[in-house]
Amino acid sequence: MEKTMKIQKLLPLQDRQYNDQQGQPRVFTSLGMVLTDGIDTLFAEATGDYARSLVGHLNEGDWVRVQLSMSVRDWQDQQGQTRYENKAYISNIK
């Protein structure tokens, strides 16, 4: 999906430590932001080296053309109910 959106909130770059499936330590890098087109508002994040390349080039209040990829995950809550969450990832932003 590609949309023109305003950066409503720009979060700092984050590096999060985790262990992969083989137990090896890894780092997940992300740059999160809240985007709006005046009707829809969403949270999306750029990841990895691409996230690092955006630091210093974006500001809150900027209007950007953003390409998003969306996914959904499901999980069981404490009551055994299936819950869903949408995730939006930034694949390109100009």
Protein backbone atom coordinates (compact mmCIF):
# COMPACT_ATOMS: atom_id res chain seq x y z
CA MET A 1 0.00 0.00 0.00
CA GLU A 2 1.26 3.48 -0.83
CA LYS A 3 -0.15 6.64 0.72
CA THR A 4 0.70 10.27 1.32
CA MET A 5 0.75 10.78 5.08
CA LYS A 6 1.93 13.23 7.71
CA ILE A 7 4.42 12.17 10.38
CA GLN A 8 2.46 12.92 13.53
CA LYS A 9 5.01 11.44 15.93
CA LEU A 10 8.55 10.22 15.28
CA LEU A 11 10.06 7.92 17.87
CA PRO A 12 13.79 7.53 18.49
CA LEU A 13 15.70 4.70 16.80
CA GLN A 14 15.65 1.60 19.01
CA ASP A 15 17.92 -1.42 19.19
CA ARG A 16 16.33 -4.38 20.98
CA GLN A 17 18.31 -7.45 21.99
CA TYR A 18 16.81 -10.91 21.49
CA ASN A 19 17.91 -14.52 21.01
CA ASP A 20 17.15 -16.19 17.68
CA GLN A 21 15.74 -19.72 17.37
CA GLN A 22 19.23 -21.17 17.78
CA GLY A 23 19.74 -19.16 20.98
CA GLN A 24 22.18 -16.74 19.37
CA PRO A 25 21.99 -13.08 20.48
CA ARG A 26 20.71 -10.71 17.81
CA VAL A 27 19.69 -7.05 17.58
CA PHE A 28 16.39 -5.83 16.12
CA THR A 29 16.58 -2.19 14.99
CA SER A 30 13.43 -0.15 14.41
CA LEU A 31 12.30 3.42 13.82
CA GLY A 32 8.65 3.84 14.71
CA MET A 33 6.29 6.61 13.74
CA VAL A 34 2.64 7.55 13.92
CA LEU A 35 1.34 8.50 10.46
CA THR A 36 -1.94 10.14 9.47
CA ASP A 37 -3.66 11.21 6.27
CA GLY A 38 -6.29 13.21 8.16
CA ILE A 39 -8.71 10.28 8.25
CA ASP A 40 -6.68 7.17 9.05
CA THR A 41 -3.94 7.10 11.68
CA LEU A 42 -1.53 4.20 12.15
CA PHE A 43 1.71 3.18 13.77
CA ALA A 44 4.37 1.85 11.40
CA GLU A 45 8.04 1.10 11.68
CA ALA A 46 11.06 0.85 9.45
CA THR A 47 13.52 -1.86 10.46
CA GLY A 48 17.16 -2.81 10.15
CA ASP A 49 19.65 -0.82 8.12
CA TYR A 50 16.82 0.99 6.34
CA ALA A 51 15.63 2.38 9.70
CA ARG A 52 19.16 3.59 10.43
CA SER A 53 19.37 5.32 7.04
CA LEU A 54 16.27 7.40 7.82
CA VAL A 55 17.59 8.93 11.04
CA GLY A 56 18.08 12.68 10.62
CA HIS A 57 16.11 12.83 7.36
CA LEU A 58 12.56 12.88 8.76
CA ASN A 59 10.79 15.25 11.13
CA GLU A 60 7.46 15.41 12.87
CA GLY A 61 5.05 17.37 10.69
CA ASP A 62 6.64 16.24 7.39
CA TRP A 63 4.28 15.04 4.66
CA VAL A 64 5.74 11.91 3.07
CA ARG A 65 4.89 9.32 0.45
CA VAL A 66 5.12 5.99 2.27
CA GLN A 67 5.01 2.41 1.02
CA LEU A 68 3.67 0.07 3.68
CA SER A 69 3.48 -3.67 3.96
CA MET A 70 0.86 -4.97 6.36
CA SER A 71 0.55 -8.23 8.24
CA VAL A 72 -1.58 -9.71 10.99
CA ARG A 73 -0.72 -12.00 13.85
CA ASP A 74 -2.98 -13.89 16.20
CA TRP A 75 -2.43 -15.06 19.76
CA GLN A 76 -4.37 -16.49 22.70
CA ASP A 77 -5.14 -14.18 25.62
CA GLN A 78 -5.31 -15.34 29.26
CA GLN A 79 -8.96 -16.37 28.79
CA GLY A 80 -8.11 -18.53 25.76
CA GLN A 81 -9.69 -16.10 23.29
CA THR A 82 -7.99 -15.55 19.95
CA ARG A 83 -6.84 -11.95 19.54
CA TYR A 84 -5.46 -10.23 16.45
CA GLU A 85 -2.95 -7.47 15.86
CA ASN A 86 -2.12 -5.60 12.66
CA LYS A 87 1.48 -4.67 11.95
CA ALA A 88 2.59 -2.04 9.44
CA TYR A 89 6.16 -1.94 8.14
CA ILE A 90 7.66 0.87 6.09
CA SER A 91 9.39 -0.44 2.98
CA ASN A 92 10.01 3.00 1.44
CA ILE A 93 9.41 6.59 2.49
CA LYS A 94 10.08 9.81 0.55
